Amino acid sequence: MIPATRLGILYRPDGVARLLRTLGAETTRRLFLVNEMIGPDGIAGVIVPDGSALAKARELADQAAGLVPGAVAATKQLMVEIETSVSAGMDWDEVRRRLLGER
């Protein structure tokens, strides 16, 4: 679990970029945006017994509801910028201030 969005902070772009390269976009998003944990076997797609998909979806939504909206939005935007190379070579502090709406 990466608690940045629960704590209302933005991780360093170089660290997020490294996770995106290493773990892939889906796993990185789940770590940051749903605060899932990596277990001993890693993160696998969620497989639930028949009839329990709605309960699992509600559980994940409850986890996401406890996150700081501004940090979630900034983290999503940062990931998009990293994936499209918009923030490549940019100063971390400048990226953080811009994404979090600071001056």
N, C-alpha and C. Protein backbone atom coordinates (compact mmCIF):
# COMPACT_ATOMS: atom_id res chain seq x y z
N MET A 1 0.85 -1.17 0.00
CA MET A 1 0.00 0.00 0.00
C MET A 1 0.90 1.24 0.00
N ILE A 2 0.50 2.22 -0.78
CA ILE A 2 1.21 3.49 -0.81
C ILE A 2 0.21 4.53 -0.32
N PRO A 3 0.41 5.07 0.89
CA PRO A 3 -0.61 5.91 1.51
C PRO A 3 -0.61 7.38 1.09
N ALA A 4 0.08 7.74 0.02
CA ALA A 4 0.18 9.15 -0.36
C ALA A 4 -1.19 9.81 -0.51
N THR A 5 -2.09 9.17 -1.22
CA THR A 5 -3.40 9.78 -1.45
C THR A 5 -4.26 9.77 -0.20
N ARG A 6 -3.99 8.89 0.73
CA ARG A 6 -4.70 8.89 2.02
C ARG A 6 -4.16 10.02 2.90
N LEU A 7 -2.87 10.32 2.77
CA LEU A 7 -2.23 11.36 3.57
C LEU A 7 -2.34 12.74 2.93
N GLY A 8 -2.76 12.79 1.66
CA GLY A 8 -2.90 14.06 0.98
C GLY A 8 -1.60 14.62 0.44
N ILE A 9 -0.68 13.73 0.08
CA ILE A 9 0.60 14.18 -0.46
C ILE A 9 0.79 13.63 -1.87
N LEU A 10 1.76 14.18 -2.56
CA LEU A 10 2.09 13.74 -3.90
C LEU A 10 3.50 13.15 -3.87
N TYR A 11 3.63 11.90 -4.31
CA TYR A 11 4.95 11.27 -4.35
C TYR A 11 5.81 11.94 -5.41
N ARG A 12 7.11 11.79 -5.24
CA ARG A 12 8.05 12.35 -6.21
C ARG A 12 7.80 11.74 -7.60
N PRO A 13 7.77 12.56 -8.64
CA PRO A 13 7.54 12.05 -9.98
C PRO A 13 8.52 10.96 -10.40
N ASP A 14 9.80 11.06 -10.00
CA ASP A 14 10.75 10.02 -10.39
C ASP A 14 10.41 8.69 -9.74
N GLY A 15 9.90 8.71 -8.50
CA GLY A 15 9.49 7.48 -7.83
C GLY A 15 8.25 6.87 -8.48
N VAL A 16 7.29 7.72 -8.83
CA VAL A 16 6.08 7.24 -9.51
C VAL A 16 6.46 6.67 -10.88
N ALA A 17 7.35 7.35 -11.58
CA ALA A 17 7.79 6.86 -12.90
C ALA A 17 8.46 5.49 -12.77
N ARG A 18 9.28 5.33 -11.74
CA ARG A 18 9.96 4.04 -11.53
C ARG A 18 8.93 2.93 -11.26
N LEU A 19 7.92 3.23 -10.44
CA LEU A 19 6.88 2.23 -10.17
C LEU A 19 6.09 1.90 -11.43
N LEU A 20 5.77 2.91 -12.22
CA LEU A 20 5.04 2.66 -13.47
C LEU A 20 5.85 1.75 -14.38
N ARG A 21 7.16 2.00 -14.47
CA ARG A 21 8.02 1.15 -15.33
C ARG A 21 8.13 -0.26 -14.77
N THR A 22 8.28 -0.37 -13.45
CA THR A 22 8.54 -1.67 -12.82
C THR A 22 7.28 -2.52 -12.68
N LEU A 23 6.21 -1.90 -12.18
CA LEU A 23 4.99 -2.64 -11.86
C LEU A 23 3.91 -2.56 -12.92
N GLY A 24 4.03 -1.59 -13.80
CA GLY A 24 2.99 -1.38 -14.81
C GLY A 24 1.94 -0.40 -14.32
N ALA A 25 1.18 0.14 -15.25
CA ALA A 25 0.20 1.19 -14.94
C ALA A 25 -0.93 0.68 -14.04
N GLU A 26 -1.48 -0.47 -14.33
CA GLU A 26 -2.62 -0.96 -13.55
C GLU A 26 -2.26 -1.17 -12.08
N THR A 27 -1.15 -1.85 -11.83
CA THR A 27 -0.74 -2.11 -10.45
C THR A 27 -0.40 -0.82 -9.73
N THR A 28 0.32 0.08 -10.40
CA THR A 28 0.67 1.35 -9.77
C THR A 28 -0.57 2.16 -9.43
N ARG A 29 -1.53 2.19 -10.33
CA ARG A 29 -2.78 2.90 -10.04
C ARG A 29 -3.51 2.29 -8.85
N ARG A 30 -3.54 1.00 -8.77
CA ARG A 30 -4.22 0.34 -7.65
C ARG A 30 -3.51 0.64 -6.33
N LEU A 31 -2.19 0.71 -6.35
CA LEU A 31 -1.44 1.04 -5.14
C LEU A 31 -1.74 2.45 -4.66
N PHE A 32 -1.75 3.40 -5.58
CA PHE A 32 -1.94 4.80 -5.22
C PHE A 32 -3.42 5.17 -5.07
N LEU A 33 -4.26 4.69 -5.97
CA LEU A 33 -5.62 5.22 -6.05
C LEU A 33 -6.67 4.40 -5.31
N VAL A 34 -6.32 3.18 -4.91
CA VAL A 34 -7.24 2.37 -4.11
C VAL A 34 -6.56 1.95 -2.81
N ASN A 35 -5.27 2.23 -2.71
CA ASN A 35 -4.46 1.87 -1.54
C ASN A 35 -4.48 0.38 -1.26
N GLU A 36 -4.42 -0.42 -2.33
CA GLU A 36 -4.31 -1.86 -2.15
C GLU A 36 -2.90 -2.19 -1.68
N MET A 37 -2.75 -3.34 -1.06
CA MET A 37 -1.44 -3.78 -0.57
C MET A 37 -0.89 -4.85 -1.50
N ILE A 38 0.43 -4.90 -1.59
CA ILE A 38 1.08 -5.98 -2.33
C ILE A 38 1.35 -7.09 -1.34
N GLY A 39 0.79 -8.23 -1.61
CA GLY A 39 0.99 -9.39 -0.74
C GLY A 39 2.20 -10.18 -1.18
N PRO A 40 2.46 -11.30 -0.55
CA PRO A 40 3.63 -12.11 -0.89
C PRO A 40 3.60 -12.61 -2.33
N ASP A 41 2.41 -12.72 -2.91
CA ASP A 41 2.29 -13.18 -4.28
C ASP A 41 2.09 -12.02 -5.26
N GLY A 42 2.24 -10.78 -4.78
CA GLY A 42 2.03 -9.60 -5.62
C GLY A 42 0.56 -9.24 -5.68
N ILE A 43 0.22 -8.38 -6.60
CA ILE A 43 -1.18 -7.99 -6.80
C ILE A 43 -1.67 -8.73 -8.03
N ALA A 44 -2.76 -9.40 -7.87
CA ALA A 44 -3.40 -10.07 -9.00
C ALA A 44 -4.73 -9.39 -9.24
N GLY A 45 -5.28 -9.58 -10.41
CA GLY A 45 -6.62 -9.08 -10.65
C GLY A 45 -7.54 -9.64 -9.58
N VAL A 46 -8.52 -8.86 -9.23
CA VAL A 46 -9.42 -9.29 -8.17
C VAL A 46 -10.36 -10.35 -8.71
N ILE A 47 -10.30 -11.52 -8.10
CA ILE A 47 -11.19 -12.62 -8.46
C ILE A 47 -12.06 -12.90 -7.25
N VAL A 48 -13.37 -12.85 -7.46
CA VAL A 48 -14.29 -13.05 -6.34
C VAL A 48 -15.25 -14.18 -6.68
N PRO A 49 -15.80 -14.82 -5.66
CA PRO A 49 -16.78 -15.88 -5.90
C PRO A 49 -18.03 -15.34 -6.59
N ASP A 50 -18.74 -16.20 -7.29
CA ASP A 50 -19.99 -15.80 -7.93
C ASP A 50 -20.90 -15.11 -6.93
N GLY A 51 -21.50 -14.02 -7.38
CA GLY A 51 -22.46 -13.32 -6.55
C GLY A 51 -21.87 -12.32 -5.57
N SER A 52 -20.53 -12.19 -5.54
CA SER A 52 -19.93 -11.27 -4.56
C SER A 52 -19.20 -10.09 -5.20
N ALA A 53 -19.36 -9.91 -6.51
CA ALA A 53 -18.66 -8.83 -7.20
C ALA A 53 -19.11 -7.46 -6.71
N LEU A 54 -20.40 -7.30 -6.48
CA LEU A 54 -20.90 -6.00 -6.02
C LEU A 54 -20.35 -5.66 -4.63
N ALA A 55 -20.30 -6.64 -3.76
CA ALA A 55 -19.75 -6.41 -2.41
C ALA A 55 -18.27 -6.01 -2.50
N LYS A 56 -17.51 -6.67 -3.37
CA LYS A 56 -16.09 -6.33 -3.54
C LYS A 56 -15.95 -4.93 -4.13
N ALA A 57 -16.79 -4.59 -5.09
CA ALA A 57 -16.74 -3.25 -5.69
C ALA A 57 -17.04 -2.19 -4.64
N ARG A 58 -18.00 -2.46 -3.77
CA ARG A 58 -18.32 -1.51 -2.69
C ARG A 58 -17.15 -1.38 -1.71
N GLU A 59 -16.50 -2.48 -1.43
CA GLU A 59 -15.34 -2.45 -0.54
C GLU A 59 -14.23 -1.57 -1.12
N LEU A 60 -13.95 -1.75 -2.41
CA LEU A 60 -12.93 -0.94 -3.07
C LEU A 60 -13.34 0.53 -3.13
N ALA A 61 -14.63 0.78 -3.36
CA ALA A 61 -15.13 2.16 -3.38
C ALA A 61 -15.00 2.80 -2.00
N ASP A 62 -15.26 2.04 -0.94
CA ASP A 62 -15.10 2.57 0.42
C ASP A 62 -13.64 2.92 0.69
N GLN A 63 -12.72 2.09 0.23
CA GLN A 63 -11.30 2.39 0.39
C GLN A 63 -10.96 3.69 -0.33
N ALA A 64 -11.43 3.82 -1.55
CA ALA A 64 -11.13 5.01 -2.34
C ALA A 64 -11.79 6.25 -1.75
N ALA A 65 -12.94 6.10 -1.12
CA ALA A 65 -13.65 7.23 -0.54
C ALA A 65 -12.89 7.86 0.62
N GLY A 66 -12.00 7.12 1.24
CA GLY A 66 -11.23 7.64 2.36
C GLY A 66 -9.98 8.41 1.95
N LEU A 67 -9.79 8.61 0.65
CA LEU A 67 -8.60 9.28 0.16
C LEU A 67 -8.84 10.78 0.02
N VAL A 68 -7.77 11.55 0.00
CA VAL A 68 -7.86 13.01 -0.14
C VAL A 68 -8.05 13.33 -1.63
N PRO A 69 -9.20 13.92 -1.99
CA PRO A 69 -9.51 14.13 -3.42
C PRO A 69 -8.44 14.90 -4.19
N GLY A 70 -7.89 15.94 -3.62
CA GLY A 70 -6.86 16.71 -4.33
C GLY A 70 -5.62 15.89 -4.61
N ALA A 71 -5.23 15.05 -3.67
CA ALA A 71 -4.06 14.20 -3.86
C ALA A 71 -4.34 13.12 -4.91
N VAL A 72 -5.56 12.61 -4.92
CA VAL A 72 -5.95 11.62 -5.94
C VAL A 72 -5.88 12.25 -7.32
N ALA A 73 -6.47 13.44 -7.47
CA ALA A 73 -6.47 14.13 -8.76
C ALA A 73 -5.06 14.44 -9.22
N ALA A 74 -4.22 14.94 -8.30
CA ALA A 74 -2.84 15.27 -8.65
C ALA A 74 -2.06 14.02 -9.04
N THR A 75 -2.27 12.93 -8.32
CA THR A 75 -1.57 11.67 -8.62
C THR A 75 -2.00 11.13 -9.97
N LYS A 76 -3.30 11.16 -10.25
CA LYS A 76 -3.79 10.71 -11.56
C LYS A 76 -3.15 11.54 -12.67
N GLN A 77 -3.15 12.86 -12.51
CA GLN A 77 -2.58 13.73 -13.52
C GLN A 77 -1.08 13.49 -13.68
N LEU A 78 -0.39 13.29 -12.57
CA LEU A 78 1.04 13.01 -12.64
C LEU A 78 1.29 11.74 -13.43
N MET A 79 0.52 10.69 -13.18
CA MET A 79 0.70 9.44 -13.91
C MET A 79 0.46 9.62 -15.40
N VAL A 80 -0.57 10.39 -15.75
CA VAL A 80 -0.85 10.66 -17.16
C VAL A 80 0.33 11.41 -17.78
N GLU A 81 0.84 12.41 -17.08
CA GLU A 81 1.95 13.19 -17.61
C GLU A 81 3.21 12.33 -17.77
N ILE A 82 3.45 11.45 -16.80
CA ILE A 82 4.62 10.57 -16.91
C ILE A 82 4.45 9.63 -18.09
N GLU A 83 3.26 9.05 -18.23
CA GLU A 83 3.02 8.09 -19.31
C GLU A 83 3.08 8.74 -20.69
N THR A 84 2.77 10.03 -20.76
CA THR A 84 2.81 10.73 -22.04
C THR A 84 4.07 11.59 -22.17
N SER A 85 4.99 11.44 -21.22
CA SER A 85 6.28 12.13 -21.20
C SER A 85 6.17 13.64 -21.11
N VAL A 86 5.03 14.16 -20.66
CA VAL A 86 4.87 15.60 -20.52
C VAL A 86 5.78 16.13 -19.43
N SER A 87 5.95 15.36 -18.33
CA SER A 87 6.75 15.86 -17.21
C SER A 87 8.19 15.38 -17.24
N ALA A 88 8.60 14.75 -18.33
CA ALA A 88 9.97 14.25 -18.40
C ALA A 88 10.96 15.39 -18.24
N GLY A 89 11.86 15.23 -17.30
CA GLY A 89 12.89 16.21 -17.08
C GLY A 89 12.45 17.44 -16.30
N MET A 90 11.21 17.48 -15.85
CA MET A 90 10.73 18.64 -15.10
C MET A 90 11.19 18.56 -13.65
N ASP A 91 11.30 19.70 -13.03
CA ASP A 91 11.67 19.80 -11.63
C ASP A 91 10.53 19.27 -10.76
N TRP A 92 10.85 18.36 -9.82
CA TRP A 92 9.81 17.74 -8.98
C TRP A 92 9.01 18.77 -8.21
N ASP A 93 9.69 19.74 -7.63
CA ASP A 93 8.99 20.72 -6.82
C ASP A 93 8.03 21.55 -7.67
N GLU A 94 8.44 21.87 -8.89
CA GLU A 94 7.56 22.61 -9.79
C GLU A 94 6.34 21.77 -10.15
N VAL A 95 6.55 20.49 -10.44
CA VAL A 95 5.44 19.59 -10.77
C VAL A 95 4.49 19.48 -9.58
N ARG A 96 5.04 19.31 -8.39
CA ARG A 96 4.21 19.18 -7.18
C ARG A 96 3.37 20.43 -6.96
N ARG A 97 4.01 21.59 -7.04
CA ARG A 97 3.28 22.85 -6.83
C ARG A 97 2.17 23.02 -7.86
N ARG A 98 2.49 22.72 -9.11
CA ARG A 98 1.49 22.89 -10.16
C ARG A 98 0.32 21.93 -10.00
N LEU A 99 0.61 20.66 -9.74
CA LEU A 99 -0.46 19.67 -9.63
C LEU A 99 -1.30 19.86 -8.35
N LEU A 100 -0.70 20.36 -7.31
CA LEU A 100 -1.45 20.57 -6.07
C LEU A 100 -2.01 21.99 -5.98
N GLY A 101 -1.82 22.77 -7.05
CA GLY A 101 -2.40 24.09 -7.11
C GLY A 101 -1.73 25.11 -6.20
N GLU A 102 -0.46 24.89 -5.88
CA GLU A 102 0.28 25.81 -5.03
C GLU A 102 1.00 26.82 -5.90
N ARG A 103 1.41 27.91 -5.30
CA ARG A 103 2.16 28.94 -6.03
C ARG A 103 3.59 28.97 -5.54
